[in-house]
PDB file of N, CA and C in Angstrom:
ATOM      1  N   MET A   1      82.247 104.423  93.547  1.00  0.00           N
ATOM      2  CA  MET A   1      82.318 105.556  93.582  1.00  0.00           C
ATOM      3  C   MET A   1      80.879 106.095  94.308  1.00  0.00           C
ATOM      4  N   ASN A   2      80.208 107.146  93.693  1.00  0.00           N
ATOM      5  CA  ASN A   2      78.720 107.224  94.556  1.00  0.00           C
ATOM      6  C   ASN A   2      77.651 106.588  94.025  1.00  0.00           C
ATOM      7  N   ASP A   3      76.299 106.673  94.886  1.00  0.00           N
ATOM      8  CA  ASP A   3      75.412 105.901  94.448  1.00  0.00           C
ATOM      9  C   ASP A   3      74.305 106.583  93.860  1.00  0.00           C
ATOM     10  N   LEU A   4      74.521 107.901  93.222  1.00  0.00           N
ATOM     11  CA  LEU A   4      73.724 108.892  92.867  1.00  0.00           C
ATOM     12  C   LEU A   4      73.529 108.383  91.234  1.00  0.00           C
ATOM     13  N   VAL A   5      72.145 107.998  90.768  1.00  0.00           N
ATOM     14  CA  VAL A   5      71.947 107.671  89.282  1.00  0.00           C
ATOM     15  C   VAL A   5      70.898 108.447  88.721  1.00  0.00           C
ATOM     16  N   CYS A   6      71.397 109.005  87.420  1.00  0.00           N
ATOM     17  CA  CYS A   6      70.456 109.668  86.728  1.00  0.00           C
ATOM     18  C   CYS A   6      69.925 108.653  86.147  1.00  0.00           C
ATOM     19  N   PRO A   7      68.494 109.062  85.876  1.00  0.00           N
ATOM     20  CA  PRO A   7      67.673 107.836  85.201  1.00  0.00           C
ATOM     21  C   PRO A   7      67.915 107.967  83.646  1.00  0.00           C
ATOM     22  N   LEU A   8      68.474 109.097  83.146  1.00  0.00           N
ATOM     23  CA  LEU A   8      68.930 109.124  81.904  1.00  0.00           C
ATOM     24  C   LEU A   8      70.225 108.207  81.361  1.00  0.00           C
ATOM     25  N   ASP A   9      70.989 108.166  82.421  1.00  0.00           N
ATOM     26  CA  ASP A   9      72.343 107.480  82.229  1.00  0.00           C
ATOM     27  C   ASP A   9      72.464 106.126  81.446  1.00  0.00           C
ATOM     28  N   PHE A  10      71.648 105.258  81.832  1.00  0.00           N
ATOM     29  CA  PHE A  10      72.005 104.103  81.236  1.00  0.00           C
ATOM     30  C   PHE A  10      70.565 103.418  80.420  1.00  0.00           C
ATOM     31  N   ARG A  11      69.462 104.210  80.292  1.00  0.00           N
ATOM     32  CA  ARG A  11      68.337 104.019  79.540  1.00  0.00           C
ATOM     33  C   ARG A  11      68.226 104.312  78.349  1.00  0.00           C
ATOM     34  N   TYR A  12      69.010 105.397  78.027  1.00  0.00           N
ATOM     35  CA  TYR A  12      69.053 106.035  76.450  1.00  0.00           C
ATOM     36  C   TYR A  12      70.466 106.174  75.986  1.00  0.00           C
ATOM     37  N   GLY A  13      70.687 105.955  74.917  1.00  0.00           N
ATOM     38  CA  GLY A  13      72.009 106.337  74.471  1.00  0.00           C
ATOM     39  C   GLY A  13      72.516 105.043  73.807  1.00  0.00           C
ATOM     40  N   ARG A  14      73.485 105.113  73.176  1.00  0.00           N
ATOM     41  CA  ARG A  14      74.086 104.009  72.190  1.00  0.00           C
ATOM     42  C   ARG A  14      75.301 103.349  73.227  1.00  0.00           C
ATOM     43  N   LYS A  15      75.384 102.090  72.998  1.00  0.00           N
ATOM     44  CA  LYS A  15      76.648 101.367  73.465  1.00  0.00           C
ATOM     45  C   LYS A  15      77.750 102.059  73.552  1.00  0.00           C
ATOM     46  N   GLU A  16      78.353 102.655  72.480  1.00  0.00           N
ATOM     47  CA  GLU A  16      79.735 103.566  72.716  1.00  0.00           C
ATOM     48  C   GLU A  16      79.654 104.415  73.628  1.00  0.00           C
ATOM     49  N   VAL A  17      78.637 105.183  73.572  1.00  0.00           N
ATOM     50  CA  VAL A  17      78.407 106.438  74.283  1.00  0.00           C
ATOM     51  C   VAL A  17      78.451 106.112  76.055  1.00  0.00           C
ATOM     52  N   LYS A  18      77.700 105.137  76.281  1.00  0.00           N
ATOM     53  CA  LYS A  18      77.727 104.529  77.638  1.00  0.00           C
ATOM     54  C   LYS A  18      79.075 104.093  78.258  1.00  0.00           C
ATOM     55  N   GLU A  19      79.829 103.399  77.128  1.00  0.00           N
ATOM     56  CA  GLU A  19      81.140 103.079  77.652  1.00  0.00           C
ATOM     57  C   GLU A  19      81.921 104.158  77.850  1.00  0.00           C
ATOM     58  N   ILE A  20      81.754 105.404  77.067  1.00  0.00           N
ATOM     59  CA  ILE A  20      82.713 106.414  77.451  1.00  0.00           C
ATOM     60  C   ILE A  20      82.268 106.826  78.782  1.00  0.00           C
ATOM     61  N   PHE A  21      81.005 106.882  79.203  1.00  0.00           N
ATOM     62  CA  PHE A  21      80.682 107.617  80.449  1.00  0.00           C
ATOM     63  C   PHE A  21      80.324 106.930  81.650  1.00  0.00           C
ATOM     64  N   GLY A  22      80.592 105.484  81.382  1.00  0.00           N
ATOM     65  CA  GLY A  22      80.544 104.683  82.385  1.00  0.00           C
ATOM     66  C   GLY A  22      81.477 104.689  83.828  1.00  0.00           C
ATOM     67  N   GLU A  23      81.027 103.976  84.574  1.00  0.00           N
ATOM     68  CA  GLU A  23      81.771 103.859  86.004  1.00  0.00           C
ATOM     69  C   GLU A  23      83.054 103.603  85.611  1.00  0.00           C
ATOM     70  N   GLU A  24      83.264 102.357  85.165  1.00  0.00           N
ATOM     71  CA  GLU A  24      84.796 101.729  85.090  1.00  0.00           C
ATOM     72  C   GLU A  24      85.810 102.818  84.019  1.00  0.00           C
ATOM     73  N   LYS A  25      84.991 103.514  83.045  1.00  0.00           N
ATOM     74  CA  LYS A  25      85.680 104.385  82.372  1.00  0.00           C
ATOM     75  C   LYS A  25      86.050 105.491  83.247  1.00  0.00           C
ATOM     76  N   ARG A  26      85.354 106.084  84.005  1.00  0.00           N
ATOM     77  CA  ARG A  26      85.593 107.124  84.912  1.00  0.00           C
ATOM     78  C   ARG A  26      86.690 106.793  85.826  1.00  0.00           C
ATOM     79  N   LEU A  27      86.453 105.641  86.418  1.00  0.00           N
ATOM     80  CA  LEU A  27      87.694 105.306  87.096  1.00  0.00           C
ATOM     81  C   LEU A  27      88.993 105.171  86.429  1.00  0.00           C
ATOM     82  N   GLN A  28      89.072 104.633  85.011  1.00  0.00           N
ATOM     83  CA  GLN A  28      90.283 104.550  84.279  1.00  0.00           C
ATOM     84  C   GLN A  28      90.756 106.193  84.169  1.00  0.00           C
ATOM     85  N   TYR A  29      89.966 107.274  83.990  1.00  0.00           N
ATOM     86  CA  TYR A  29      90.310 108.371  83.628  1.00  0.00           C
ATOM     87  C   TYR A  29      90.896 108.991  84.879  1.00  0.00           C
ATOM     88  N   LEU A  30      90.361 108.885  85.888  1.00  0.00           N
ATOM     89  CA  LEU A  30      90.981 109.368  87.378  1.00  0.00           C
ATOM     90  C   LEU A  30      92.367 108.802  87.464  1.00  0.00           C
ATOM     91  N   LEU A  31      92.383 107.489  87.153  1.00  0.00           N
ATOM     92  CA  LEU A  31      93.772 106.737  87.289  1.00  0.00           C
ATOM     93  C   LEU A  31      94.767 107.256  86.486  1.00  0.00           C
ATOM     94  N   ASP A  32      94.172 107.745  85.167  1.00  0.00           N
ATOM     95  CA  ASP A  32      95.238 108.069  84.023  1.00  0.00           C
ATOM     96  C   ASP A  32      95.787 109.617  84.633  1.00  0.00           C
ATOM     97  N   VAL A  33      95.074 110.313  85.647  1.00  0.00           N
ATOM     98  CA  VAL A  33      95.676 111.573  86.165  1.00  0.00           C
ATOM     99  C   VAL A  33      96.461 111.452  87.228  1.00  0.00           C
ATOM    100  N   GLU A  34      96.185 110.204  87.934  1.00  0.00           N
ATOM    101  CA  GLU A  34      97.107 109.903  88.896  1.00  0.00           C
ATOM    102  C   GLU A  34      98.531 109.321  88.419  1.00  0.00           C
ATOM    103  N   ALA A  35      98.519 108.843  87.277  1.00  0.00           N
ATOM    104  CA  ALA A  35      99.454 108.621  86.660  1.00  0.00           C
ATOM    105  C   ALA A  35     100.269 109.682  86.272  1.00  0.00           C
ATOM    106  N   ALA A  36      99.577 110.514  85.512  1.00  0.00           N
ATOM    107  CA  ALA A  36     100.237 111.722  84.978  1.00  0.00           C
ATOM    108  C   ALA A  36     100.953 112.573  86.047  1.00  0.00           C
ATOM    109  N   LEU A  37     100.185 112.593  87.347  1.00  0.00           N
ATOM    110  CA  LEU A  37     100.722 113.293  88.472  1.00  0.00           C
ATOM    111  C   LEU A  37     102.174 112.844  88.866  1.00  0.00           C
ATOM    112  N   ALA A  38     101.973 111.169  89.117  1.00  0.00           N
ATOM    113  CA  ALA A  38     103.139 110.655  89.497  1.00  0.00           C
ATOM    114  C   ALA A  38     104.101 111.183  88.645  1.00  0.00           C
ATOM    115  N   LYS A  39     104.196 111.170  87.227  1.00  0.00           N
ATOM    116  CA  LYS A  39     105.284 111.384  86.334  1.00  0.00           C
ATOM    117  C   LYS A  39     105.695 112.720  86.390  1.00  0.00           C
ATOM    118  N   ALA A  40     104.741 113.821  86.770  1.00  0.00           N
ATOM    119  CA  ALA A  40     105.243 115.119  86.932  1.00  0.00           C
ATOM    120  C   ALA A  40     106.043 115.276  88.099  1.00  0.00           C
ATOM    121  N   HIS A  41     105.557 114.612  89.227  1.00  0.00           N
ATOM    122  CA  HIS A  41     106.380 114.662  90.553  1.00  0.00           C
ATOM    123  C   HIS A  41     107.925 114.005  90.371  1.00  0.00           C
ATOM    124  N   ALA A  42     107.835 112.906  89.515  1.00  0.00           N
ATOM    125  CA  ALA A  42     109.222 112.446  89.514  1.00  0.00           C
ATOM    126  C   ALA A  42     110.082 113.327  88.563  1.00  0.00           C
ATOM    127  N   LYS A  43     109.434 113.828  87.703  1.00  0.00           N
ATOM    128  CA  LYS A  43     110.309 115.108  86.755  1.00  0.00           C
ATOM    129  C   LYS A  43     110.746 116.139  87.531  1.00  0.00           C
ATOM    130  N   VAL A  44     110.019 116.543  88.530  1.00  0.00           N
ATOM    131  CA  VAL A  44     110.956 117.601  89.568  1.00  0.00           C
ATOM    132  C   VAL A  44     111.524 116.998  90.587  1.00  0.00           C
ATOM    133  N   GLY A  45     111.486 115.797  90.668  1.00  0.00           N
ATOM    134  CA  GLY A  45     112.388 115.038  91.682  1.00  0.00           C
ATOM    135  C   GLY A  45     111.655 115.209  93.087  1.00  0.00           C
ATOM    136  N   ASN A  46     110.173 115.215  93.204  1.00  0.00           N
ATOM    137  CA  ASN A  46     109.584 115.035  94.427  1.00  0.00           C
ATOM    138  C   ASN A  46     109.523 113.509  94.691  1.00  0.00           C
ATOM    139  N   ILE A  47     109.509 112.675  93.670  1.00  0.00           N
ATOM    140  CA  ILE A  47     109.326 111.180  94.021  1.00  0.00           C
ATOM    141  C   ILE A  47     110.419 110.282  93.098  1.00  0.00           C
ATOM    142  N   PRO A  48     110.809 109.082  93.423  1.00  0.00           N
ATOM    143  CA  PRO A  48     111.764 108.647  92.502  1.00  0.00           C
ATOM    144  C   PRO A  48     110.871 108.087  91.214  1.00  0.00           C
ATOM    145  N   LYS A  49     111.775 108.242  90.141  1.00  0.00           N
ATOM    146  CA  LYS A  49     111.238 107.987  88.797  1.00  0.00           C
ATOM    147  C   LYS A  49     110.721 106.498  88.865  1.00  0.00           C
ATOM    148  N   GLU A  50     111.311 105.624  89.498  1.00  0.00           N
ATOM    149  CA  GLU A  50     110.925 104.095  89.700  1.00  0.00           C
ATOM    150  C   GLU A  50     109.608 104.000  90.308  1.00  0.00           C
ATOM    151  N   ALA A  51     109.302 104.706  91.048  1.00  0.00           N
ATOM    152  CA  ALA A  51     107.959 105.088  92.194  1.00  0.00           C
ATOM    153  C   ALA A  51     106.797 105.446  90.712  1.00  0.00           C
ATOM    154  N   ALA A  52     107.565 106.542  90.099  1.00  0.00           N
ATOM    155  CA  ALA A  52     106.408 106.823  89.178  1.00  0.00           C
ATOM    156  C   ALA A  52     105.986 105.900  88.291  1.00  0.00           C
ATOM    157  N   ASP A  53     107.078 105.263  87.671  1.00  0.00           N
ATOM    158  CA  ASP A  53     106.898 104.032  86.733  1.00  0.00           C
ATOM    159  C   ASP A  53     105.827 102.830  87.286  1.00  0.00           C
ATOM    160  N   GLU A  54     106.044 102.616  88.702  1.00  0.00           N
ATOM    161  CA  GLU A  54     105.331 101.586  88.872  1.00  0.00           C
ATOM    162  C   GLU A  54     103.840 102.181  89.143  1.00  0.00           C
ATOM    163  N   ILE A  55     103.527 103.454  89.720  1.00  0.00           N
ATOM    164  CA  ILE A  55     102.190 103.984  89.556  1.00  0.00           C
ATOM    165  C   ILE A  55     101.716 103.943  88.333  1.00  0.00           C
ATOM    166  N   ALA A  56     102.363 104.407  87.322  1.00  0.00           N
ATOM    167  CA  ALA A  56     101.714 104.585  85.973  1.00  0.00           C
ATOM    168  C   ALA A  56     101.330 103.048  85.450  1.00  0.00           C
ATOM    169  N   ARG A  57     102.194 102.161  85.717  1.00  0.00           N
ATOM    170  CA  ARG A  57     101.923 100.734  85.367  1.00  0.00           C
ATOM    171  C   ARG A  57     100.695 100.422  85.985  1.00  0.00           C
ATOM    172  N   LYS A  58     100.530 100.674  87.351  1.00  0.00           N
ATOM    173  CA  LYS A  58      99.340  99.954  87.966  1.00  0.00           C
ATOM    174  C   LYS A  58      98.007 100.863  88.191  1.00  0.00           C
ATOM    175  N   ALA A  59      98.276 102.036  87.431  1.00  0.00           N
ATOM    176  CA  ALA A  59      97.079 102.986  87.233  1.00  0.00           C
ATOM    177  C   ALA A  59      96.149 102.426  86.124  1.00  0.00           C
ATOM    178  N   SER A  60      95.562 101.538  86.373  1.00  0.00           N
ATOM    179  CA  SER A  60      94.746 100.887  85.361  1.00  0.00           C
ATOM    180  C   SER A  60      93.644 100.029  86.312  1.00  0.00           C
ATOM    181  N   THR A  61      92.474  99.591  85.659  1.00  0.00           N
ATOM    182  CA  THR A  61      91.331  99.131  86.129  1.00  0.00           C
ATOM    183  C   THR A  61      91.653  97.509  86.017  1.00  0.00           C
ATOM    184  N   ARG A  62      92.858  97.262  85.520  1.00  0.00           N
ATOM    185  CA  ARG A  62      93.219  95.923  85.567  1.00  0.00           C
ATOM    186  C   ARG A  62      93.772  95.565  86.787  1.00  0.00           C
ATOM    187  N   TYR A  63      94.029  96.574  87.720  1.00  0.00           N
ATOM    188  CA  TYR A  63      94.756  96.414  89.228  1.00  0.00           C
ATOM    189  C   TYR A  63      93.828  96.753  89.979  1.00  0.00           C
ATOM    190  N   VAL A  64      93.472  98.101  89.864  1.00  0.00           N
ATOM    191  CA  VAL A  64      92.340  98.807  90.606  1.00  0.00           C
ATOM    192  C   VAL A  64      91.091  98.320  90.465  1.00  0.00           C
ATOM    193  N   LYS A  65      90.322  97.995  91.140  1.00  0.00           N
ATOM    194  CA  LYS A  65      89.150  97.555  91.172  1.00  0.00           C
ATOM    195  C   LYS A  65      87.878  98.313  91.695  1.00  0.00           C
ATOM    196  N   ILE A  66      86.874  98.587  90.858  1.00  0.00           N
ATOM    197  CA  ILE A  66      85.810  99.464  91.304  1.00  0.00           C
ATOM    198  C   ILE A  66      85.285  99.146  92.628  1.00  0.00           C
ATOM    199  N   ASP A  67      84.983  97.772  92.964  1.00  0.00           N
ATOM    200  CA  ASP A  67      84.520  97.292  94.402  1.00  0.00           C
ATOM    201  C   ASP A  67      85.457  97.847  95.428  1.00  0.00           C
ATOM    202  N   ARG A  68      86.880  97.624  95.216  1.00  0.00           N
ATOM    203  CA  ARG A  68      87.839  97.943  96.025  1.00  0.00           C
ATOM    204  C   ARG A  68      87.446  99.604  96.624  1.00  0.00           C
ATOM    205  N   VAL A  69      87.257 100.258  95.534  1.00  0.00           N
ATOM    206  CA  VAL A  69      87.382 101.738  95.346  1.00  0.00           C
ATOM    207  C   VAL A  69      86.270 102.131  96.611  1.00  0.00           C
ATOM    208  N   LYS A  70      85.161 101.337  95.965  1.00  0.00           N
ATOM    209  CA  LYS A  70      83.569 101.437  96.873  1.00  0.00           C
ATOM    210  C   LYS A  70      83.830 101.326  98.306  1.00  0.00           C
ATOM    211  N   GLU A  71      84.889 100.375  98.718  1.00  0.00           N
ATOM    212  CA  GLU A  71      84.910  99.689  99.992  1.00  0.00           C
ATOM    213  C   GLU A  71      85.532 100.806 100.689  1.00  0.00           C
ATOM    214  N   ILE A  72      86.507 101.368 100.200  1.00  0.00           N
ATOM    215  CA  ILE A  72      87.339 102.577 100.594  1.00  0.00           C
ATOM    216  C   ILE A  72      86.473 103.704 100.806  1.00  0.00           C
ATOM    217  N   GLU A  73      85.730 104.158  99.665  1.00  0.00           N
ATOM    218  CA  GLU A  73      84.752 105.209  99.875  1.00  0.00           C
ATOM    219  C   GLU A  73      83.769 105.123 100.858  1.00  0.00           C
ATOM    220  N   ALA A  74      83.486 104.001 101.168  1.00  0.00           N
ATOM    221  CA  ALA A  74      82.373 104.013 102.138  1.00  0.00           C
ATOM    222  C   ALA A  74      83.078 104.409 103.703  1.00  0.00           C
ATOM    223  N   GLU A  75      84.432 104.102 103.525  1.00  0.00           N
ATOM    224  CA  GLU A  75      84.838 104.364 104.968  1.00  0.00           C
ATOM    225  C   GLU A  75      85.462 105.848 104.978  1.00  0.00           C
ATOM    226  N   THR A  76      85.986 106.412 103.753  1.00  0.00           N
ATOM    227  CA  THR A  76      86.686 107.672 103.982  1.00  0.00           C
ATOM    228  C   THR A  76      85.580 108.965 103.338  1.00  0.00           C
ATOM    229  N   LYS A  77      84.539 108.562 102.699  1.00  0.00           N
ATOM    230  CA  LYS A  77      83.538 109.443 102.318  1.00  0.00           C
ATOM    231  C   LYS A  77      84.306 110.451 101.436  1.00  0.00           C
ATOM    232  N   HIS A  78      85.236 109.674 100.521  1.00  0.00           N
ATOM    233  CA  HIS A  78      86.114 110.712  99.632  1.00  0.00           C
ATOM    234  C   HIS A  78      86.432 109.929  98.547  1.00  0.00           C
ATOM    235  N   ASP A  79      85.702 110.206  97.270  1.00  0.00           N
ATOM    236  CA  ASP A  79      86.219 109.379  95.974  1.00  0.00           C
ATOM    237  C   ASP A  79      87.463 109.378  95.589  1.00  0.00           C
ATOM    238  N   ILE A  80      88.356 110.286  95.762  1.00  0.00           N
ATOM    239  CA  ILE A  80      89.849 110.469  95.346  1.00  0.00           C
ATOM    240  C   ILE A  80      90.522 109.768  96.299  1.00  0.00           C
ATOM    241  N   MET A  81      90.096 110.026  97.438  1.00  0.00           N
ATOM    242  CA  MET A  81      91.153 109.290  98.309  1.00  0.00           C
ATOM    243  C   MET A  81      91.008 107.834  98.084  1.00  0.00           C
ATOM    244  N   ALA A  82      89.781 107.459  98.151  1.00  0.00           N
ATOM    245  CA  ALA A  82      89.403 105.951  97.560  1.00  0.00           C
ATOM    246  C   ALA A  82      90.221 105.350  96.656  1.00  0.00           C
ATOM    247  N   ILE A  83      90.265 106.368  95.670  1.00  0.00           N
ATOM    248  CA  ILE A  83      91.158 105.630  94.190  1.00  0.00           C
ATOM    249  C   ILE A  83      92.665 105.656  94.615  1.00  0.00           C
ATOM    250  N   THR A  84      92.962 106.856  95.271  1.00  0.00           N
ATOM    251  CA  THR A  84      94.279 106.918  95.579  1.00  0.00           C
ATOM    252  C   THR A  84      94.815 105.772  96.620  1.00  0.00           C
ATOM    253  N   ARG A  85      94.069 105.369  97.554  1.00  0.00           N
ATOM    254  CA  ARG A  85      94.248 104.177  98.153  1.00  0.00           C
ATOM    255  C   ARG A  85      94.484 102.916  97.550  1.00  0.00           C
ATOM    256  N   ALA A  86      93.377 102.741  97.087  1.00  0.00           N
ATOM    257  CA  ALA A  86      93.101 101.337  95.962  1.00  0.00           C
ATOM    258  C   ALA A  86      94.421 101.272  95.099  1.00  0.00           C
ATOM    259  N   LEU A  87      94.991 102.386  94.492  1.00  0.00           N
ATOM    260  CA  LEU A  87      95.892 102.652  93.893  1.00  0.00           C
ATOM    261  C   LEU A  87      97.323 101.880  94.493  1.00  0.00           C
ATOM    262  N   SER A  88      97.588 102.792  95.805  1.00  0.00           N
ATOM    263  CA  SER A  88      98.761 102.682  96.601  1.00  0.00           C
ATOM    264  C   SER A  88      98.841 100.985  97.035  1.00  0.00           C
ATOM    265  N   GLU A  89      97.671 100.641  97.220  1.00  0.00           N
ATOM    266  CA  GLU A  89      97.767  99.060  97.647  1.00  0.00           C
ATOM    267  C   GLU A  89      98.242  98.078  96.714  1.00  0.00           C
ATOM    268  N   GLN A  90      98.133  98.537  95.402  1.00  0.00           N
ATOM    269  CA  GLN A  90      98.476  97.673  94.132  1.00  0.00           C
ATOM    270  C   GLN A  90     100.059  97.852  94.098  1.00  0.00           C
ATOM    271  N   CYS A  91     100.722  99.069  94.556  1.00  0.00           N
ATOM    272  CA  CYS A  91     102.001  99.450  94.374  1.00  0.00           C
ATOM    273  C   CYS A  91     102.883  99.064  95.543  1.00  0.00           C
ATOM    274  N   LYS A  92     104.447  98.454  95.142  1.00  0.00           N
ATOM    275  CA  LYS A  92     105.094  97.666  96.550  1.00  0.00           C
ATOM    276  C   LYS A  92     105.556  98.622  97.459  1.00  0.00           C
ATOM    277  N   GLY A  93     106.124  99.874  96.943  1.00  0.00           N
ATOM    278  CA  GLY A  93     106.581 100.665  97.596  1.00  0.00           C
ATOM    279  C   GLY A  93     105.956 101.722  98.393  1.00  0.00           C
TER     280      GLY A  93
END
């Protein structure tokens, strides 16, 4: 994602709170949004249900890796486009 770091981000706070606001969790939240969008598009007929199901299955940090998102973001200079592209690389169709 981006390289900006707040000095308070990781120095203070409990482990549980850091996990909620950490980089991997942020990526997962954004992937959750992509999955919900795919399901909504399928519901109104914009994309096939099978495509939405695959997107929802692959919209996970198990498949979409932070390092790959960062590589794409370095090229595109756009965090959401990087996530979308990294997710699409994991899907067949």
